[in-house]
Amino acid sequence: MAQWLSINQAKQLVKQGLYRLETGSNSDAQQIYDKQSGNYVGHIKNGQYYQSPNYQIPQYIIQKFEVFDRNAWDKRRDW
């Protein structure tokens, strides 16, 4: 079963330094690569995220989202 990232998740992983953005062949496209493995993740073009069907989300990325989700839950409880 394939797992898919949302554009917000991909952007969040770039901000966390786990993924890197590179300018694509077109100036309006940005390619995304996994920094640890060097694998191509997908690209963002015209505000749309396109994940490579060959990209398997590694366990360390999945675990990172579990931490993100826990931290977001803790912040919501603080109100």
PDB file of N, CA and C in Angstrom:
ATOM      1  N   MET A   1       0.835  -1.183   0.000  1.00  0.00           N
ATOM      2  CA  MET A   1       0.000   0.000   0.000  1.00  0.00           C
ATOM      3  C   MET A   1       0.881   1.247   0.000  1.00  0.00           C
ATOM      4  N   ALA A   2       0.659   2.095  -0.967  1.00  0.00           N
ATOM      5  CA  ALA A   2       1.445   3.328  -1.079  1.00  0.00           C
ATOM      6  C   ALA A   2       0.959   4.359  -0.076  1.00  0.00           C
ATOM      7  N   GLN A   3       1.892   5.117   0.443  1.00  0.00           N
ATOM      8  CA  GLN A   3       1.551   6.224   1.320  1.00  0.00           C
ATOM      9  C   GLN A   3       1.848   7.506   0.569  1.00  0.00           C
ATOM     10  N   TRP A   4       1.029   8.504   0.806  1.00  0.00           N
ATOM     11  CA  TRP A   4       1.164   9.765   0.090  1.00  0.00           C
ATOM     12  C   TRP A   4       1.276  10.909   1.078  1.00  0.00           C
ATOM     13  N   LEU A   5       2.111  11.863   0.739  1.00  0.00           N
ATOM     14  CA  LEU A   5       2.265  13.074   1.526  1.00  0.00           C
ATOM     15  C   LEU A   5       1.386  14.163   0.939  1.00  0.00           C
ATOM     16  N   SER A   6       0.953  15.067   1.778  1.00  0.00           N
ATOM     17  CA  SER A   6       0.254  16.248   1.284  1.00  0.00           C
ATOM     18  C   SER A   6       1.303  17.319   0.975  1.00  0.00           C
ATOM     19  N   ILE A   7       0.894  18.349   0.276  1.00  0.00           N
ATOM     20  CA  ILE A   7       1.818  19.449  -0.009  1.00  0.00           C
ATOM     21  C   ILE A   7       2.284  20.099   1.290  1.00  0.00           C
ATOM     22  N   ASN A   8       1.401  20.208   2.276  1.00  0.00           N
ATOM     23  CA  ASN A   8       1.784  20.809   3.560  1.00  0.00           C
ATOM     24  C   ASN A   8       2.800  19.945   4.298  1.00  0.00           C
ATOM     25  N   GLN A   9       2.634  18.625   4.231  1.00  0.00           N
ATOM     26  CA  GLN A   9       3.603  17.733   4.870  1.00  0.00           C
ATOM     27  C   GLN A   9       4.958  17.842   4.187  1.00  0.00           C
ATOM     28  N   ALA A  10       4.962  17.880   2.856  1.00  0.00           N
ATOM     29  CA  ALA A  10       6.222  18.007   2.124  1.00  0.00           C
ATOM     30  C   ALA A  10       6.923  19.317   2.486  1.00  0.00           C
ATOM     31  N   LYS A  11       6.168  20.410   2.535  1.00  0.00           N
ATOM     32  CA  LYS A  11       6.752  21.705   2.900  1.00  0.00           C
ATOM     33  C   LYS A  11       7.282  21.685   4.324  1.00  0.00           C
ATOM     34  N   GLN A  12       6.559  21.026   5.211  1.00  0.00           N
ATOM     35  CA  GLN A  12       6.987  20.935   6.602  1.00  0.00           C
ATOM     36  C   GLN A  12       8.304  20.154   6.709  1.00  0.00           C
ATOM     37  N   LEU A  13       8.450  19.106   5.918  1.00  0.00           N
ATOM     38  CA  LEU A  13       9.679  18.323   5.933  1.00  0.00           C
ATOM     39  C   LEU A  13      10.855  19.115   5.358  1.00  0.00           C
ATOM     40  N   VAL A  14      10.593  19.995   4.405  1.00  0.00           N
ATOM     41  CA  VAL A  14      11.641  20.886   3.894  1.00  0.00           C
ATOM     42  C   VAL A  14      12.064  21.843   5.003  1.00  0.00           C
ATOM     43  N   LYS A  15      11.102  22.438   5.704  1.00  0.00           N
ATOM     44  CA  LYS A  15      11.412  23.367   6.798  1.00  0.00           C
ATOM     45  C   LYS A  15      12.192  22.684   7.912  1.00  0.00           C
ATOM     46  N   GLN A  16      11.893  21.404   8.170  1.00  0.00           N
ATOM     47  CA  GLN A  16      12.589  20.657   9.208  1.00  0.00           C
ATOM     48  C   GLN A  16      13.983  20.197   8.757  1.00  0.00           C
ATOM     49  N   GLY A  17      14.307  20.394   7.485  1.00  0.00           N
ATOM     50  CA  GLY A  17      15.623  20.023   6.982  1.00  0.00           C
ATOM     51  C   GLY A  17      15.746  18.563   6.578  1.00  0.00           C
ATOM     52  N   LEU A  18      14.630  17.848   6.504  1.00  0.00           N
ATOM     53  CA  LEU A  18      14.673  16.442   6.107  1.00  0.00           C
ATOM     54  C   LEU A  18      14.608  16.269   4.593  1.00  0.00           C
ATOM     55  N   TYR A  19      13.985  17.220   3.923  1.00  0.00           N
ATOM     56  CA  TYR A  19      13.908  17.235   2.463  1.00  0.00           C
ATOM     57  C   TYR A  19      14.586  18.505   1.975  1.00  0.00           C
ATOM     58  N   ARG A  20      15.011  18.486   0.719  1.00  0.00           N
ATOM     59  CA  ARG A  20      15.582  19.697   0.121  1.00  0.00           C
ATOM     60  C   ARG A  20      14.850  20.011  -1.179  1.00  0.00           C
ATOM     61  N   LEU A  21      14.742  21.284  -1.470  1.00  0.00           N
ATOM     62  CA  LEU A  21      14.116  21.761  -2.706  1.00  0.00           C
ATOM     63  C   LEU A  21      15.201  22.147  -3.698  1.00  0.00           C
ATOM     64  N   GLU A  22      14.969  21.828  -4.947  1.00  0.00           N
ATOM     65  CA  GLU A  22      15.847  22.256  -6.032  1.00  0.00           C
ATOM     66  C   GLU A  22      14.972  22.805  -7.141  1.00  0.00           C
ATOM     67  N   THR A  23      15.481  23.780  -7.860  1.00  0.00           N
ATOM     68  CA  THR A  23      14.741  24.320  -8.987  1.00  0.00           C
ATOM     69  C   THR A  23      14.702  23.269 -10.086  1.00  0.00           C
ATOM     70  N   GLY A  24      13.517  23.071 -10.639  1.00  0.00           N
ATOM     71  CA  GLY A  24      13.352  22.107 -11.712  1.00  0.00           C
ATOM     72  C   GLY A  24      13.763  22.679 -13.052  1.00  0.00           C
ATOM     73  N   SER A  25      13.515  21.925 -14.106  1.00  0.00           N
ATOM     74  CA  SER A  25      13.872  22.376 -15.445  1.00  0.00           C
ATOM     75  C   SER A  25      13.055  23.600 -15.852  1.00  0.00           C
ATOM     76  N   ASN A  26      11.855  23.706 -15.310  1.00  0.00           N
ATOM     77  CA  ASN A  26      11.037  24.907 -15.501  1.00  0.00           C
ATOM     78  C   ASN A  26      11.167  25.763 -14.253  1.00  0.00           C
ATOM     79  N   SER A  27      11.180  27.071 -14.436  1.00  0.00           N
ATOM     80  CA  SER A  27      11.356  27.952 -13.283  1.00  0.00           C
ATOM     81  C   SER A  27      10.184  27.892 -12.309  1.00  0.00           C
ATOM     82  N   ASP A  28       9.028  27.386 -12.764  1.00  0.00           N
ATOM     83  CA  ASP A  28       7.870  27.314 -11.876  1.00  0.00           C
ATOM     84  C   ASP A  28       7.752  25.959 -11.168  1.00  0.00           C
ATOM     85  N   ALA A  29       8.754  25.093 -11.331  1.00  0.00           N
ATOM     86  CA  ALA A  29       8.709  23.770 -10.689  1.00  0.00           C
ATOM     87  C   ALA A  29       9.856  23.653  -9.686  1.00  0.00           C
ATOM     88  N   GLN A  30       9.568  23.012  -8.559  1.00  0.00           N
ATOM     89  CA  GLN A  30      10.578  22.755  -7.547  1.00  0.00           C
ATOM     90  C   GLN A  30      10.604  21.252  -7.290  1.00  0.00           C
ATOM     91  N   GLN A  31      11.782  20.658  -7.423  1.00  0.00           N
ATOM     92  CA  GLN A  31      11.940  19.240  -7.157  1.00  0.00           C
ATOM     93  C   GLN A  31      12.272  19.030  -5.692  1.00  0.00           C
ATOM     94  N   ILE A  32      11.763  17.953  -5.135  1.00  0.00           N
ATOM     95  CA  ILE A  32      11.963  17.649  -3.715  1.00  0.00           C
ATOM     96  C   ILE A  32      12.741  16.342  -3.607  1.00  0.00           C
ATOM     97  N   TYR A  33      13.792  16.370  -2.774  1.00  0.00           N
ATOM     98  CA  TYR A  33      14.617  15.187  -2.553  1.00  0.00           C
ATOM     99  C   TYR A  33      14.717  14.903  -1.061  1.00  0.00           C
ATOM    100  N   ASP A  34      14.770  13.641  -0.708  1.00  0.00           N
ATOM    101  CA  ASP A  34      14.999  13.197   0.666  1.00  0.00           C
ATOM    102  C   ASP A  34      16.483  13.399   0.948  1.00  0.00           C
ATOM    103  N   LYS A  35      16.821  14.200   1.943  1.00  0.00           N
ATOM    104  CA  LYS A  35      18.220  14.511   2.223  1.00  0.00           C
ATOM    105  C   LYS A  35      19.007  13.285   2.683  1.00  0.00           C
ATOM    106  N   GLN A  36      18.394  12.427   3.459  1.00  0.00           N
ATOM    107  CA  GLN A  36      19.125  11.286   4.010  1.00  0.00           C
ATOM    108  C   GLN A  36      19.435  10.238   2.940  1.00  0.00           C
ATOM    109  N   SER A  37      18.452   9.894   2.141  1.00  0.00           N
ATOM    110  CA  SER A  37      18.649   8.843   1.138  1.00  0.00           C
ATOM    111  C   SER A  37      19.048   9.405  -0.231  1.00  0.00           C
ATOM    112  N   GLY A  38      18.747  10.676  -0.472  1.00  0.00           N
ATOM    113  CA  GLY A  38      19.005  11.273  -1.774  1.00  0.00           C
ATOM    114  C   GLY A  38      17.938  10.949  -2.807  1.00  0.00           C
ATOM    115  N   ASN A  39      16.906  10.200  -2.412  1.00  0.00           N
ATOM    116  CA  ASN A  39      15.845   9.799  -3.341  1.00  0.00           C
ATOM    117  C   ASN A  39      14.961  10.976  -3.743  1.00  0.00           C
ATOM    118  N   TYR A  40      14.515  10.924  -4.984  1.00  0.00           N
ATOM    119  CA  TYR A  40      13.564  11.907  -5.498  1.00  0.00           C
ATOM    120  C   TYR A  40      12.200  11.622  -4.878  1.00  0.00           C
ATOM    121  N   VAL A  41      11.602  12.630  -4.255  1.00  0.00           N
ATOM    122  CA  VAL A  41      10.304  12.495  -3.588  1.00  0.00           C
ATOM    123  C   VAL A  41       9.181  12.897  -4.536  1.00  0.00           C
ATOM    124  N   GLY A  42       9.344  14.014  -5.220  1.00  0.00           N
ATOM    125  CA  GLY A  42       8.309  14.535  -6.108  1.00  0.00           C
ATOM    126  C   GLY A  42       8.628  15.979  -6.451  1.00  0.00           C
ATOM    127  N   HIS A  43       7.614  16.690  -6.880  1.00  0.00           N
ATOM    128  CA  HIS A  43       7.830  18.095  -7.210  1.00  0.00           C
ATOM    129  C   HIS A  43       6.561  18.902  -6.963  1.00  0.00           C
ATOM    130  N   ILE A  44       6.781  20.208  -6.847  1.00  0.00           N
ATOM    131  CA  ILE A  44       5.692  21.163  -6.697  1.00  0.00           C
ATOM    132  C   ILE A  44       5.713  22.038  -7.939  1.00  0.00           C
ATOM    133  N   LYS A  45       4.568  22.113  -8.600  1.00  0.00           N
ATOM    134  CA  LYS A  45       4.464  22.941  -9.792  1.00  0.00           C
ATOM    135  C   LYS A  45       3.124  23.653  -9.757  1.00  0.00           C
ATOM    136  N   ASN A  46       3.165  24.957  -9.930  1.00  0.00           N
ATOM    137  CA  ASN A  46       1.956  25.785  -9.919  1.00  0.00           C
ATOM    138  C   ASN A  46       1.105  25.542  -8.666  1.00  0.00           C
ATOM    139  N   GLY A  47       1.762  25.402  -7.529  1.00  0.00           N
ATOM    140  CA  GLY A  47       1.044  25.219  -6.270  1.00  0.00           C
ATOM    141  C   GLY A  47       0.487  23.826  -6.043  1.00  0.00           C
ATOM    142  N   GLN A  48       0.769  22.884  -6.921  1.00  0.00           N
ATOM    143  CA  GLN A  48       0.297  21.510  -6.784  1.00  0.00           C
ATOM    144  C   GLN A  48       1.487  20.612  -6.465  1.00  0.00           C
ATOM    145  N   TYR A  49       1.270  19.633  -5.597  1.00  0.00           N
ATOM    146  CA  TYR A  49       2.311  18.681  -5.225  1.00  0.00           C
ATOM    147  C   TYR A  49       2.084  17.375  -5.971  1.00  0.00           C
ATOM    148  N   TYR A  50       3.132  16.874  -6.580  1.00  0.00           N
ATOM    149  CA  TYR A  50       3.089  15.607  -7.311  1.00  0.00           C
ATOM    150  C   TYR A  50       4.152  14.687  -6.728  1.00  0.00           C
ATOM    151  N   GLN A  51       3.738  13.657  -6.034  1.00  0.00           N
ATOM    152  CA  GLN A  51       4.683  12.721  -5.433  1.00  0.00           C
ATOM    153  C   GLN A  51       5.029  11.629  -6.437  1.00  0.00           C
ATOM    154  N   SER A  52       6.281  11.249  -6.453  1.00  0.00           N
ATOM    155  CA  SER A  52       6.715  10.165  -7.329  1.00  0.00           C
ATOM    156  C   SER A  52       6.042   8.867  -6.885  1.00  0.00           C
ATOM    157  N   PRO A  53       5.473   8.101  -7.807  1.00  0.00           N
ATOM    158  CA  PRO A  53       4.843   6.826  -7.423  1.00  0.00           C
ATOM    159  C   PRO A  53       5.866   5.805  -6.941  1.00  0.00           C
ATOM    160  N   ASN A  54       7.142   6.042  -7.216  1.00  0.00           N
ATOM    161  CA  ASN A  54       8.196   5.116  -6.791  1.00  0.00           C
ATOM    162  C   ASN A  54       8.742   5.425  -5.399  1.00  0.00           C
ATOM    163  N   TYR A  55       8.389   6.570  -4.843  1.00  0.00           N
ATOM    164  CA  TYR A  55       8.924   6.968  -3.536  1.00  0.00           C
ATOM    165  C   TYR A  55       8.200   6.245  -2.416  1.00  0.00           C
ATOM    166  N   GLN A  56       8.957   5.517  -1.634  1.00  0.00           N
ATOM    167  CA  GLN A  56       8.445   4.863  -0.437  1.00  0.00           C
ATOM    168  C   GLN A  56       8.825   5.722   0.768  1.00  0.00           C
ATOM    169  N   ILE A  57       7.832   6.175   1.513  1.00  0.00           N
ATOM    170  CA  ILE A  57       8.114   7.034   2.673  1.00  0.00           C
ATOM    171  C   ILE A  57       8.841   6.202   3.724  1.00  0.00           C
ATOM    172  N   PRO A  58      10.076   6.600   4.077  1.00  0.00           N
ATOM    173  CA  PRO A  58      10.847   5.836   5.058  1.00  0.00           C
ATOM    174  C   PRO A  58      10.268   5.955   6.464  1.00  0.00           C
ATOM    175  N   GLN A  59      10.609   4.990   7.286  1.00  0.00           N
ATOM    176  CA  GLN A  59      10.088   4.940   8.653  1.00  0.00           C
ATOM    177  C   GLN A  59      10.465   6.181   9.457  1.00  0.00           C
ATOM    178  N   TYR A  60      11.678   6.727   9.267  1.00  0.00           N
ATOM    179  CA  TYR A  60      12.078   7.907  10.047  1.00  0.00           C
ATOM    180  C   TYR A  60      11.214   9.129   9.708  1.00  0.00           C
ATOM    181  N   ILE A  61      10.679   9.205   8.487  1.00  0.00           N
ATOM    182  CA  ILE A  61       9.767  10.292   8.121  1.00  0.00           C
ATOM    183  C   ILE A  61       8.410  10.068   8.790  1.00  0.00           C
ATOM    184  N   ILE A  62       7.931   8.845   8.761  1.00  0.00           N
ATOM    185  CA  ILE A  62       6.657   8.509   9.405  1.00  0.00           C
ATOM    186  C   ILE A  62       6.728   8.816  10.896  1.00  0.00           C
ATOM    187  N   GLN A  63       7.827   8.462  11.527  1.00  0.00           N
ATOM    188  CA  GLN A  63       7.990   8.733  12.958  1.00  0.00           C
ATOM    189  C   GLN A  63       8.028  10.230  13.222  1.00  0.00           C
ATOM    190  N   LYS A  64       8.623  10.991  12.317  1.00  0.00           N
ATOM    191  CA  LYS A  64       8.676  12.446  12.478  1.00  0.00           C
ATOM    192  C   LYS A  64       7.262  13.034  12.496  1.00  0.00           C
ATOM    193  N   PHE A  65       6.395  12.514  11.631  1.00  0.00           N
ATOM    194  CA  PHE A  65       5.019  13.009  11.616  1.00  0.00           C
ATOM    195  C   PHE A  65       4.265  12.634  12.875  1.00  0.00           C
ATOM    196  N   GLU A  66       4.590  11.510  13.470  1.00  0.00           N
ATOM    197  CA  GLU A  66       3.962  11.163  14.745  1.00  0.00           C
ATOM    198  C   GLU A  66       4.340  12.181  15.807  1.00  0.00           C
ATOM    199  N   VAL A  67       5.585  12.643  15.796  1.00  0.00           N
ATOM    200  CA  VAL A  67       6.042  13.677  16.731  1.00  0.00           C
ATOM    201  C   VAL A  67       5.346  14.993  16.423  1.00  0.00           C
ATOM    202  N   PHE A  68       5.269  15.383  15.120  1.00  0.00           N
ATOM    203  CA  PHE A  68       4.568  16.606  14.736  1.00  0.00           C
ATOM    204  C   PHE A  68       3.136  16.580  15.246  1.00  0.00           C
ATOM    205  N   ASP A  69       2.449  15.456  15.018  1.00  0.00           N
ATOM    206  CA  ASP A  69       1.049  15.331  15.421  1.00  0.00           C
ATOM    207  C   ASP A  69       0.901  15.441  16.932  1.00  0.00           C
ATOM    208  N   ARG A  70       1.799  14.812  17.673  1.00  0.00           N
ATOM    209  CA  ARG A  70       1.744  14.876  19.142  1.00  0.00           C
ATOM    210  C   ARG A  70       1.959  16.304  19.613  1.00  0.00           C
ATOM    211  N   ASN A  71       2.937  16.988  19.026  1.00  0.00           N
ATOM    212  CA  ASN A  71       3.212  18.372  19.417  1.00  0.00           C
ATOM    213  C   ASN A  71       2.039  19.285  19.081  1.00  0.00           C
ATOM    214  N   ALA A  72       1.417  19.084  17.947  1.00  0.00           N
ATOM    215  CA  ALA A  72       0.250  19.889  17.566  1.00  0.00           C
ATOM    216  C   ALA A  72      -0.888  19.642  18.538  1.00  0.00           C
ATOM    217  N   TRP A  73      -1.085  18.409  18.943  1.00  0.00           N
ATOM    218  CA  TRP A  73      -2.141  18.078  19.903  1.00  0.00           C
ATOM    219  C   TRP A  73      -1.866  18.770  21.238  1.00  0.00           C
ATOM    220  N   ASP A  74      -0.618  18.739  21.692  1.00  0.00           N
ATOM    221  CA  ASP A  74      -0.268  19.395  22.950  1.00  0.00           C
ATOM    222  C   ASP A  74      -0.525  20.893  22.883  1.00  0.00           C
ATOM    223  N   LYS A  75      -0.231  21.533  21.764  1.00  0.00           N
ATOM    224  CA  LYS A  75      -0.464  22.972  21.625  1.00  0.00           C
ATOM    225  C   LYS A  75      -1.947  23.291  21.643  1.00  0.00           C
ATOM    226  N   ARG A  76      -2.766  22.438  21.046  1.00  0.00           N
ATOM    227  CA  ARG A  76      -4.215  22.673  21.032  1.00  0.00           C
ATOM    228  C   ARG A  76      -4.786  22.558  22.448  1.00  0.00           C
ATOM    229  N   ARG A  77      -4.190  21.720  23.275  1.00  0.00           N
ATOM    230  CA  ARG A  77      -4.715  21.532  24.623  1.00  0.00           C
ATOM    231  C   ARG A  77      -4.384  22.703  25.541  1.00  0.00           C
ATOM    232  N   ASP A  78      -3.423  23.519  25.158  1.00  0.00           N
ATOM    233  CA  ASP A  78      -2.977  24.614  26.029  1.00  0.00           C
ATOM    234  C   ASP A  78      -3.943  25.773  26.105  1.00  0.00           C
ATOM    235  N   TRP A  79      -4.951  25.838  25.298  1.00  0.00           N
ATOM    236  CA  TRP A  79      -5.850  26.988  25.322  1.00  0.00           C
ATOM    237  C   TRP A  79      -6.705  26.904  26.528  1.00  0.00           C
TER     238      TRP A  79
END
